[in-house]
N, C-alpha and C. Protein backbone atom coordinates (compact mmCIF):
# COMPACT_ATOMS: atom_id res chain seq x y z
N ALA A 1 -136.80 -120.95 -90.24
CA ALA A 1 -137.26 -122.26 -89.76
C ALA A 1 -138.56 -122.15 -88.94
N VAL A 2 -139.30 -123.24 -88.76
CA VAL A 2 -140.41 -123.30 -87.86
C VAL A 2 -140.07 -124.36 -86.75
N GLN A 3 -140.32 -123.91 -85.44
CA GLN A 3 -140.26 -124.87 -84.40
C GLN A 3 -141.50 -125.21 -83.75
N PHE A 4 -141.71 -126.44 -83.28
CA PHE A 4 -143.00 -126.76 -82.67
C PHE A 4 -142.64 -127.57 -81.40
N SER A 5 -143.55 -127.54 -80.38
CA SER A 5 -143.48 -128.20 -79.18
C SER A 5 -144.83 -128.66 -78.68
N LEU A 6 -144.69 -129.82 -78.10
CA LEU A 6 -145.80 -130.48 -77.50
C LEU A 6 -145.71 -130.67 -76.04
N ASP A 7 -144.79 -130.14 -75.48
CA ASP A 7 -144.51 -130.31 -73.98
C ASP A 7 -144.38 -128.94 -73.21
N GLY A 8 -145.12 -127.96 -73.81
CA GLY A 8 -145.17 -126.69 -73.09
C GLY A 8 -143.89 -125.82 -73.45
N GLY A 9 -143.12 -126.15 -74.37
CA GLY A 9 -141.93 -125.39 -74.70
C GLY A 9 -140.66 -125.90 -74.15
N ALA A 10 -140.75 -127.07 -73.45
CA ALA A 10 -139.50 -127.62 -72.79
C ALA A 10 -138.62 -128.24 -73.87
N HIS A 11 -139.02 -128.68 -74.93
CA HIS A 11 -138.29 -129.21 -76.07
C HIS A 11 -138.88 -128.68 -77.48
N TRP A 12 -138.10 -128.32 -78.35
CA TRP A 12 -138.64 -127.80 -79.67
C TRP A 12 -138.01 -128.70 -80.78
N THR A 13 -138.87 -129.05 -81.77
CA THR A 13 -138.38 -129.75 -82.90
C THR A 13 -138.39 -128.69 -84.18
N GLU A 14 -137.28 -128.64 -84.81
CA GLU A 14 -137.20 -127.57 -85.99
C GLU A 14 -137.50 -128.26 -87.27
N HIS A 15 -138.19 -127.49 -88.15
CA HIS A 15 -138.47 -127.87 -89.46
C HIS A 15 -137.89 -126.67 -90.39
N ALA A 16 -137.03 -127.09 -91.19
CA ALA A 16 -136.33 -125.97 -92.00
C ALA A 16 -137.29 -125.52 -93.03
N THR A 17 -137.15 -124.20 -93.38
CA THR A 17 -137.97 -123.60 -94.43
C THR A 17 -137.05 -122.82 -95.48
N PRO A 18 -136.37 -123.66 -96.25
CA PRO A 18 -135.22 -123.04 -97.14
C PRO A 18 -136.05 -122.14 -98.19
N GLY A 19 -135.35 -121.00 -98.49
CA GLY A 19 -135.88 -120.09 -99.45
C GLY A 19 -136.94 -119.12 -99.07
N VAL A 20 -137.40 -119.16 -97.85
CA VAL A 20 -138.44 -118.36 -97.29
C VAL A 20 -137.83 -116.92 -97.11
N THR A 21 -138.79 -115.91 -97.52
CA THR A 21 -138.38 -114.64 -97.14
C THR A 21 -139.51 -114.01 -96.19
N SER A 22 -139.30 -112.87 -95.60
CA SER A 22 -140.19 -112.28 -94.69
C SER A 22 -141.52 -111.80 -95.28
N ASP A 23 -141.49 -111.75 -96.72
CA ASP A 23 -142.80 -111.36 -97.35
C ASP A 23 -143.56 -112.43 -97.83
N ARG A 24 -143.17 -113.66 -97.69
CA ARG A 24 -143.84 -114.83 -98.14
C ARG A 24 -144.42 -115.66 -97.06
N LEU A 25 -145.58 -116.30 -97.28
CA LEU A 25 -146.20 -117.06 -96.26
C LEU A 25 -145.47 -118.47 -96.36
N VAL A 26 -145.50 -119.13 -95.21
CA VAL A 26 -144.98 -120.52 -95.19
C VAL A 26 -145.97 -121.56 -94.88
N GLN A 27 -146.15 -122.61 -95.66
CA GLN A 27 -146.97 -123.72 -95.52
C GLN A 27 -146.18 -124.98 -94.98
N TRP A 28 -146.62 -125.55 -94.03
CA TRP A 28 -145.96 -126.78 -93.55
C TRP A 28 -146.97 -127.77 -92.95
N GLU A 29 -146.62 -128.89 -92.80
CA GLU A 29 -147.47 -129.93 -92.21
C GLU A 29 -146.87 -130.65 -90.94
N PHE A 30 -147.78 -131.01 -89.99
CA PHE A 30 -147.22 -131.60 -88.77
C PHE A 30 -148.03 -132.80 -88.59
N GLU A 31 -147.39 -133.96 -88.50
CA GLU A 31 -148.06 -135.17 -88.11
C GLU A 31 -147.83 -135.71 -86.75
N PHE A 32 -148.89 -135.98 -85.95
CA PHE A 32 -148.74 -136.32 -84.49
C PHE A 32 -149.57 -137.58 -84.29
N ILE A 33 -148.98 -138.57 -83.89
CA ILE A 33 -149.66 -139.86 -83.48
C ILE A 33 -149.58 -139.96 -81.93
N PRO A 34 -150.67 -139.64 -81.26
CA PRO A 34 -150.62 -139.63 -79.87
C PRO A 34 -150.56 -141.08 -79.19
N LYS A 35 -149.91 -141.15 -78.15
CA LYS A 35 -149.71 -142.47 -77.41
C LYS A 35 -151.04 -142.77 -76.64
N ARG A 36 -151.82 -141.76 -76.32
CA ARG A 36 -153.12 -141.87 -75.59
C ARG A 36 -153.99 -140.71 -75.89
N ALA A 37 -155.26 -140.94 -75.48
CA ALA A 37 -156.23 -139.87 -75.71
C ALA A 37 -156.04 -138.74 -74.63
N GLY A 38 -156.46 -137.68 -74.91
CA GLY A 38 -156.36 -136.57 -73.99
C GLY A 38 -156.24 -135.24 -74.62
N GLU A 39 -156.12 -134.17 -73.93
CA GLU A 39 -155.94 -132.89 -74.33
C GLU A 39 -154.48 -132.40 -74.50
N TYR A 40 -154.14 -131.74 -75.66
CA TYR A 40 -152.96 -131.42 -76.06
C TYR A 40 -152.76 -129.95 -76.45
N ARG A 41 -151.67 -129.33 -76.34
CA ARG A 41 -151.41 -128.03 -76.81
C ARG A 41 -150.10 -127.95 -77.68
N LEU A 42 -150.35 -127.46 -78.91
CA LEU A 42 -149.17 -127.44 -79.90
C LEU A 42 -148.75 -125.97 -80.00
N LEU A 43 -147.47 -125.72 -79.60
CA LEU A 43 -146.85 -124.45 -79.75
C LEU A 43 -146.01 -124.39 -80.91
N VAL A 44 -146.00 -123.18 -81.61
CA VAL A 44 -145.23 -123.02 -82.72
C VAL A 44 -144.59 -121.65 -82.72
N ARG A 45 -143.35 -121.58 -83.24
CA ARG A 45 -142.61 -120.30 -83.27
C ARG A 45 -141.77 -120.31 -84.55
N SER A 46 -141.44 -119.04 -85.02
CA SER A 46 -140.45 -118.91 -86.20
C SER A 46 -139.07 -118.73 -85.70
N VAL A 47 -138.16 -119.12 -86.66
CA VAL A 47 -136.67 -118.78 -86.23
C VAL A 47 -136.08 -117.98 -87.43
N ASN A 48 -135.46 -116.88 -87.14
CA ASN A 48 -134.87 -116.06 -88.18
C ASN A 48 -133.50 -116.61 -88.64
N GLU A 49 -132.89 -115.87 -89.66
CA GLU A 49 -131.72 -116.36 -90.27
C GLU A 49 -130.54 -116.36 -89.24
N GLN A 50 -130.64 -115.72 -88.12
CA GLN A 50 -129.53 -115.74 -87.21
C GLN A 50 -129.88 -116.81 -86.19
N GLY A 51 -130.92 -117.53 -86.24
CA GLY A 51 -131.09 -118.57 -85.25
C GLY A 51 -131.98 -118.23 -84.06
N GLN A 52 -132.39 -116.96 -84.12
CA GLN A 52 -133.24 -116.52 -82.97
C GLN A 52 -134.73 -116.83 -83.12
N ALA A 53 -135.14 -117.43 -82.14
CA ALA A 53 -136.60 -117.91 -82.13
C ALA A 53 -137.51 -116.67 -81.67
N SER A 54 -138.65 -116.69 -82.14
CA SER A 54 -139.67 -115.74 -81.63
C SER A 54 -139.86 -115.82 -80.18
N PRO A 55 -139.94 -114.70 -79.49
CA PRO A 55 -140.08 -114.74 -78.09
C PRO A 55 -141.40 -115.36 -77.49
N THR A 56 -142.52 -115.10 -78.34
CA THR A 56 -143.82 -115.61 -77.97
C THR A 56 -144.30 -116.49 -79.04
N PRO A 57 -144.43 -117.99 -78.67
CA PRO A 57 -144.91 -118.74 -79.58
C PRO A 57 -146.43 -118.58 -79.72
N ASP A 58 -147.05 -119.13 -80.84
CA ASP A 58 -148.47 -119.20 -81.04
C ASP A 58 -148.78 -120.62 -80.68
N GLY A 59 -150.14 -120.80 -80.27
CA GLY A 59 -150.45 -122.17 -79.80
C GLY A 59 -151.86 -122.48 -80.18
N VAL A 60 -152.16 -123.76 -80.23
CA VAL A 60 -153.52 -124.28 -80.48
C VAL A 60 -153.74 -125.49 -79.63
N SER A 61 -154.92 -125.60 -78.87
CA SER A 61 -155.19 -126.75 -78.12
C SER A 61 -156.17 -127.57 -78.83
N PHE A 62 -155.98 -128.87 -78.59
CA PHE A 62 -156.84 -129.95 -79.29
C PHE A 62 -157.09 -131.16 -78.39
N VAL A 63 -158.21 -131.88 -78.70
CA VAL A 63 -158.49 -133.09 -77.79
C VAL A 63 -158.36 -134.22 -78.77
N VAL A 64 -157.79 -135.31 -78.38
CA VAL A 64 -157.57 -136.65 -79.09
C VAL A 64 -158.55 -137.58 -78.31
N GLU A 65 -159.54 -137.99 -78.99
CA GLU A 65 -160.54 -139.02 -78.36
C GLU A 65 -160.19 -140.35 -78.66
N GLU A 66 -160.53 -141.38 -77.77
CA GLU A 66 -160.25 -142.72 -78.09
C GLU A 66 -161.14 -143.30 -79.16
């Protein structure tokens, strides 16, 4: 699975990735509708078959303008 967070990792939302193996890339989409303009940081991490999340998430910062 893939998990993502927009609150610094306090809460994570999971997206299942059925049929994925360690030697295949995963493509997924994320739709975000902000309540206000500002700077945001999206954190993303993977989850293995045993339910263990990656210890270090990857992240990207972005700005939403009015």
